[in-house]
């Protein structure tokens, strides 16, 4: 079984699988669900009860050069109304640097996700217009499935990446830091 199929099987019967079609209906341009919701779901599935990581929120990245913060807020409100027990973090990667100091400007949603802190976090999933699963895995899925915490190339020696990694290890001691 290939990695994308394995990822889909793990996520389909989880909260991630429940919210994907609602995110697709929000009509955000070039969107992906990525980050902790995907990573933590996979790690809890693989490592079981020893892994205490939870879904804190659903990170939805999209790209619209003409967009503004109202797009983010509208999608967040709609999704929160549909799923009041979940939190949604909706961010336009085109405008991220305009309102978040010290951040670089991204040229696409994929560029934004590829620059997230860790390789296992930089994994995106979505449904296409036909309802088929799509995957964005710029660093592959090996680290995700092996429970390896590795900074992405732009975050090597970043104290934020190291701090996050420590938090992951405290909640899921089965994980390993990349050497």
C-alpha atoms as a PDB file:
ATOM      1  CA  UNK A   1       0.000   0.000   0.000  1.00  0.00           C
ATOM      2  CA  UNK A   2       1.406   3.415  -0.889  1.00  0.00           C
ATOM      3  CA  UNK A   3       1.760   6.224   1.639  1.00  0.00           C
ATOM      4  CA  UNK A   4      -1.132   8.313   0.319  1.00  0.00           C
ATOM      5  CA  UNK A   5      -3.518   5.361   0.561  1.00  0.00           C
ATOM      6  CA  UNK A   6      -2.332   4.610   4.085  1.00  0.00           C
ATOM      7  CA  UNK A   7      -2.765   8.263   5.068  1.00  0.00           C
ATOM      8  CA  UNK A   8      -6.285   8.349   3.637  1.00  0.00           C
ATOM      9  CA  UNK A   9      -7.270   5.172   5.504  1.00  0.00           C
ATOM     10  CA  UNK A  10      -6.014   6.619   8.794  1.00  0.00           C
ATOM     11  CA  UNK A  11      -7.666  10.013   8.320  1.00  0.00           C
ATOM     12  CA  UNK A  12     -10.974   8.952   6.760  1.00  0.00           C
ATOM     13  CA  UNK A  13     -12.418   7.608  10.028  1.00  0.00           C
ATOM     14  CA  UNK A  14     -11.222  10.539  12.132  1.00  0.00           C
ATOM     15  CA  UNK A  15     -12.365  14.099  12.754  1.00  0.00           C
ATOM     16  CA  UNK A  16     -10.180  15.065   9.774  1.00  0.00           C
ATOM     17  CA  UNK A  17     -12.336  12.913   7.503  1.00  0.00           C
ATOM     18  CA  UNK A  18     -15.475  14.475   8.978  1.00  0.00           C
ATOM     19  CA  UNK A  19     -14.496  18.087   8.287  1.00  0.00           C
ATOM     20  CA  UNK A  20     -12.878  17.745   4.841  1.00  0.00           C
ATOM     21  CA  UNK A  21     -16.079  17.981   2.796  1.00  0.00           C
ATOM     22  CA  UNK A  22     -17.226  21.029   4.781  1.00  0.00           C
ATOM     23  CA  UNK A  23     -13.878  22.719   4.129  1.00  0.00           C
ATOM     24  CA  UNK A  24     -14.226  21.904   0.428  1.00  0.00           C
ATOM     25  CA  UNK A  25     -17.651  23.566   0.409  1.00  0.00           C
ATOM     26  CA  UNK A  26     -16.172  26.775   1.802  1.00  0.00           C
ATOM     27  CA  UNK A  27     -14.770  27.457  -1.709  1.00  0.00           C
ATOM     28  CA  UNK A  28     -11.426  28.770  -0.520  1.00  0.00           C
ATOM     29  CA  UNK A  29      -8.996  28.949  -3.446  1.00  0.00           C
ATOM     30  CA  UNK A  30      -6.221  26.348  -3.508  1.00  0.00           C
ATOM     31  CA  UNK A  31      -6.875  25.174   0.047  1.00  0.00           C
ATOM     32  CA  UNK A  32      -5.235  22.399   2.029  1.00  0.00           C
ATOM     33  CA  UNK A  33      -5.883  21.041   5.505  1.00  0.00           C
ATOM     34  CA  UNK A  34      -2.446  20.506   7.022  1.00  0.00           C
ATOM     35  CA  UNK A  35      -0.540  20.731  10.267  1.00  0.00           C
ATOM     36  CA  UNK A  36      -1.293  19.304  13.663  1.00  0.00           C
ATOM     37  CA  UNK A  37      -4.705  17.821  12.908  1.00  0.00           C
ATOM     38  CA  UNK A  38      -3.184  15.558  10.266  1.00  0.00           C
ATOM     39  CA  UNK A  39       0.072  14.871  12.143  1.00  0.00           C
ATOM     40  CA  UNK A  40      -1.503  14.190  15.546  1.00  0.00           C
ATOM     41  CA  UNK A  41      -4.222  11.972  14.103  1.00  0.00           C
ATOM     42  CA  UNK A  42      -1.599   9.821  12.379  1.00  0.00           C
ATOM     43  CA  UNK A  43       0.721   9.654  15.388  1.00  0.00           C
ATOM     44  CA  UNK A  44      -2.114   8.716  17.761  1.00  0.00           C
ATOM     45  CA  UNK A  45      -3.251   6.032  15.322  1.00  0.00           C
ATOM     46  CA  UNK A  46       0.251   4.577  14.996  1.00  0.00           C
ATOM     47  CA  UNK A  47       1.412   4.871  18.619  1.00  0.00           C
ATOM     48  CA  UNK A  48      -1.918   4.327  20.368  1.00  0.00           C
ATOM     49  CA  UNK A  49      -2.564   5.231  23.973  1.00  0.00           C
ATOM     50  CA  UNK A  50       1.074   6.143  24.621  1.00  0.00           C
ATOM     51  CA  UNK A  51       0.580   9.189  22.401  1.00  0.00           C
ATOM     52  CA  UNK A  52      -1.408  11.950  24.118  1.00  0.00           C
ATOM     53  CA  UNK A  53      -1.356  14.458  21.262  1.00  0.00           C
ATOM     54  CA  UNK A  54      -4.780  15.842  20.359  1.00  0.00           C
ATOM     55  CA  UNK A  55      -6.251  17.969  17.603  1.00  0.00           C
ATOM     56  CA  UNK A  56      -6.006  21.506  18.960  1.00  0.00           C
ATOM     57  CA  UNK A  57      -7.324  23.026  15.761  1.00  0.00           C
ATOM     58  CA  UNK A  58      -7.682  22.430  12.051  1.00  0.00           C
ATOM     59  CA  UNK A  59      -5.094  24.438  10.092  1.00  0.00           C
ATOM     60  CA  UNK A  60      -6.564  25.403   6.742  1.00  0.00           C
ATOM     61  CA  UNK A  61      -4.185  27.152   4.367  1.00  0.00           C
ATOM     62  CA  UNK A  62      -5.308  28.734   1.109  1.00  0.00           C
ATOM     63  CA  UNK A  63      -3.965  31.248  -1.404  1.00  0.00           C
ATOM     64  CA  UNK A  64      -5.721  34.314  -2.789  1.00  0.00           C
ATOM     65  CA  UNK A  65      -3.558  37.312  -3.718  1.00  0.00           C
ATOM     66  CA  UNK A  66      -6.619  39.574  -3.846  1.00  0.00           C
ATOM     67  CA  UNK A  67      -8.078  38.186  -0.637  1.00  0.00           C
ATOM     68  CA  UNK A  68      -8.344  39.793   2.757  1.00  0.00           C
ATOM     69  CA  UNK A  69      -8.858  38.732   6.358  1.00  0.00           C
ATOM     70  CA  UNK A  70     -12.648  38.672   5.916  1.00  0.00           C
ATOM     71  CA  UNK A  71     -12.287  35.486   3.809  1.00  0.00           C
ATOM     72  CA  UNK A  72     -10.490  33.795   6.676  1.00  0.00           C
ATOM     73  CA  UNK A  73     -13.066  34.936   9.220  1.00  0.00           C
ATOM     74  CA  UNK A  74     -16.040  33.925   7.059  1.00  0.00           C
ATOM     75  CA  UNK A  75     -14.684  30.406   6.496  1.00  0.00           C
ATOM     76  CA  UNK A  76     -13.792  30.061  10.177  1.00  0.00           C
ATOM     77  CA  UNK A  77     -17.281  31.181  11.242  1.00  0.00           C
ATOM     78  CA  UNK A  78     -19.024  28.818   8.818  1.00  0.00           C
ATOM     79  CA  UNK A  79     -16.919  25.839   9.884  1.00  0.00           C
ATOM     80  CA  UNK A  80     -17.253  26.634  13.587  1.00  0.00           C
ATOM     81  CA  UNK A  81     -21.029  26.821  13.201  1.00  0.00           C
ATOM     82  CA  UNK A  82     -21.033  23.382  11.552  1.00  0.00           C
ATOM     83  CA  UNK A  83     -18.565  21.873  14.049  1.00  0.00           C
ATOM     84  CA  UNK A  84     -18.882  23.831  17.305  1.00  0.00           C
ATOM     85  CA  UNK A  85     -16.647  21.393  19.203  1.00  0.00           C
ATOM     86  CA  UNK A  86     -13.657  22.118  16.953  1.00  0.00           C
ATOM     87  CA  UNK A  87     -11.398  25.116  16.399  1.00  0.00           C
ATOM     88  CA  UNK A  88     -10.407  26.234  12.924  1.00  0.00           C
ATOM     89  CA  UNK A  89      -7.356  28.301  11.961  1.00  0.00           C
ATOM     90  CA  UNK A  90      -7.873  29.584   8.420  1.00  0.00           C
ATOM     91  CA  UNK A  91      -4.958  31.484   6.882  1.00  0.00           C
ATOM     92  CA  UNK A  92      -4.436  33.026   3.468  1.00  0.00           C
ATOM     93  CA  UNK A  93      -0.809  32.266   2.645  1.00  0.00           C
ATOM     94  CA  UNK A  94      -0.764  35.194   0.180  1.00  0.00           C
ATOM     95  CA  UNK A  95      -1.313  37.744   2.944  1.00  0.00           C
ATOM     96  CA  UNK A  96       0.389  35.965   5.848  1.00  0.00           C
ATOM     97  CA  UNK A  97       3.471  38.200   5.781  1.00  0.00           C
ATOM     98  CA  UNK A  98       1.362  41.385   5.670  1.00  0.00           C
ATOM     99  CA  UNK A  99      -0.045  40.906   9.155  1.00  0.00           C
ATOM    100  CA  UNK A 100       2.466  38.583  10.822  1.00  0.00           C
ATOM    101  CA  UNK A 101       5.790  40.307  11.490  1.00  0.00           C
ATOM    102  CA  UNK A 102       8.937  38.516  10.481  1.00  0.00           C
ATOM    103  CA  UNK A 103       7.220  36.118   8.094  1.00  0.00           C
ATOM    104  CA  UNK A 104       8.247  35.678   4.506  1.00  0.00           C
ATOM    105  CA  UNK A 105       5.912  36.185   1.581  1.00  0.00           C
ATOM    106  CA  UNK A 106       4.670  32.939   0.061  1.00  0.00           C
ATOM    107  CA  UNK A 107       3.937  32.395  -3.638  1.00  0.00           C
ATOM    108  CA  UNK A 108       1.371  29.604  -3.169  1.00  0.00           C
ATOM    109  CA  UNK A 109      -0.401  27.570  -0.520  1.00  0.00           C
ATOM    110  CA  UNK A 110       2.111  24.813  -1.098  1.00  0.00           C
ATOM    111  CA  UNK A 111       5.009  27.218  -0.564  1.00  0.00           C
ATOM    112  CA  UNK A 112       3.509  28.232   2.774  1.00  0.00           C
ATOM    113  CA  UNK A 113       2.978  24.658   3.960  1.00  0.00           C
ATOM    114  CA  UNK A 114       6.453  23.563   2.817  1.00  0.00           C
ATOM    115  CA  UNK A 115       7.847  26.242   5.131  1.00  0.00           C
ATOM    116  CA  UNK A 116       6.057  25.038   8.263  1.00  0.00           C
ATOM    117  CA  UNK A 117       8.270  23.999  11.176  1.00  0.00           C
ATOM    118  CA  UNK A 118       8.502  20.213  10.761  1.00  0.00           C
ATOM    119  CA  UNK A 119       8.351  17.745   7.887  1.00  0.00           C
ATOM    120  CA  UNK A 120       5.600  15.710   9.566  1.00  0.00           C
ATOM    121  CA  UNK A 121       3.531  18.891   9.940  1.00  0.00           C
ATOM    122  CA  UNK A 122       4.002  19.934   6.312  1.00  0.00           C
ATOM    123  CA  UNK A 123       1.486  17.382   5.049  1.00  0.00           C
ATOM    124  CA  UNK A 124      -1.694  18.570   3.356  1.00  0.00           C
ATOM    125  CA  UNK A 125      -4.908  16.794   2.426  1.00  0.00           C
ATOM    126  CA  UNK A 126      -8.036  17.948   0.629  1.00  0.00           C
ATOM    127  CA  UNK A 127     -10.923  16.760  -1.489  1.00  0.00           C
ATOM    128  CA  UNK A 128     -11.055  17.737  -5.153  1.00  0.00           C
ATOM    129  CA  UNK A 129     -14.276  18.815  -6.895  1.00  0.00           C
ATOM    130  CA  UNK A 130     -15.168  15.148  -7.432  1.00  0.00           C
ATOM    131  CA  UNK A 131     -14.671  14.334  -3.745  1.00  0.00           C
ATOM    132  CA  UNK A 132     -11.401  12.445  -4.303  1.00  0.00           C
ATOM    133  CA  UNK A 133      -8.609  12.779  -1.787  1.00  0.00           C
ATOM    134  CA  UNK A 134      -5.587  14.834  -2.808  1.00  0.00           C
ATOM    135  CA  UNK A 135      -2.248  14.969  -0.994  1.00  0.00           C
ATOM    136  CA  UNK A 136       0.552  17.504  -0.697  1.00  0.00           C
ATOM    137  CA  UNK A 137       3.665  15.956   0.841  1.00  0.00           C
ATOM    138  CA  UNK A 138       6.745  18.041  -0.029  1.00  0.00           C
ATOM    139  CA  UNK A 139       8.990  15.981   2.264  1.00  0.00           C
ATOM    140  CA  UNK A 140       7.241  12.651   1.739  1.00  0.00           C
ATOM    141  CA  UNK A 141       5.477  10.673   4.448  1.00  0.00           C
ATOM    142  CA  UNK A 142       8.337   8.646   5.935  1.00  0.00           C
ATOM    143  CA  UNK A 143       8.900  10.982   8.904  1.00  0.00           C
ATOM    144  CA  UNK A 144       5.179  11.155   9.631  1.00  0.00           C
ATOM    145  CA  UNK A 145       4.724   7.376   9.637  1.00  0.00           C
ATOM    146  CA  UNK A 146       7.958   6.738  11.543  1.00  0.00           C
ATOM    147  CA  UNK A 147       7.218   9.343  14.229  1.00  0.00           C
ATOM    148  CA  UNK A 148      10.282  11.394  13.397  1.00  0.00           C
ATOM    149  CA  UNK A 149      10.393  15.070  14.320  1.00  0.00           C
ATOM    150  CA  UNK A 150      12.592  16.821  11.761  1.00  0.00           C
ATOM    151  CA  UNK A 151      12.682  20.562  11.039  1.00  0.00           C
ATOM    152  CA  UNK A 152      12.009  21.630   7.477  1.00  0.00           C
ATOM    153  CA  UNK A 153      15.071  23.090   5.705  1.00  0.00           C
ATOM    154  CA  UNK A 154      14.114  26.691   6.523  1.00  0.00           C
ATOM    155  CA  UNK A 155      13.758  25.884  10.230  1.00  0.00           C
ATOM    156  CA  UNK A 156      16.968  24.026  11.006  1.00  0.00           C
ATOM    157  CA  UNK A 157      18.369  25.625  14.177  1.00  0.00           C
ATOM    158  CA  UNK A 158      15.091  27.498  14.771  1.00  0.00           C
ATOM    159  CA  UNK A 159      14.381  27.659  18.542  1.00  0.00           C
ATOM    160  CA  UNK A 160      10.619  27.554  17.821  1.00  0.00           C
ATOM    161  CA  UNK A 161      11.016  24.220  16.025  1.00  0.00           C
ATOM    162  CA  UNK A 162      13.095  22.866  18.903  1.00  0.00           C
ATOM    163  CA  UNK A 163      10.553  24.047  21.493  1.00  0.00           C
ATOM    164  CA  UNK A 164       7.649  22.482  19.588  1.00  0.00           C
ATOM    165  CA  UNK A 165       9.596  19.234  19.251  1.00  0.00           C
ATOM    166  CA  UNK A 166      10.081  19.112  23.032  1.00  0.00           C
ATOM    167  CA  UNK A 167       6.337  19.491  23.507  1.00  0.00           C
ATOM    168  CA  UNK A 168       5.638  16.662  21.071  1.00  0.00           C
ATOM    169  CA  UNK A 169       8.056  14.365  22.897  1.00  0.00           C
ATOM    170  CA  UNK A 170       6.467  15.109  26.285  1.00  0.00           C
ATOM    171  CA  UNK A 171       3.025  14.111  25.008  1.00  0.00           C
ATOM    172  CA  UNK A 172       4.153  11.281  22.769  1.00  0.00           C
ATOM    173  CA  UNK A 173       7.405   9.696  24.019  1.00  0.00           C
ATOM    174  CA  UNK A 174       7.395   7.168  21.157  1.00  0.00           C
ATOM    175  CA  UNK A 175       8.489   9.912  18.780  1.00  0.00           C
ATOM    176  CA  UNK A 176      12.115  10.446  17.821  1.00  0.00           C
ATOM    177  CA  UNK A 177      14.113  13.545  16.977  1.00  0.00           C
ATOM    178  CA  UNK A 178      15.947  13.478  13.662  1.00  0.00           C
ATOM    179  CA  UNK A 179      19.687  13.433  14.098  1.00  0.00           C
END
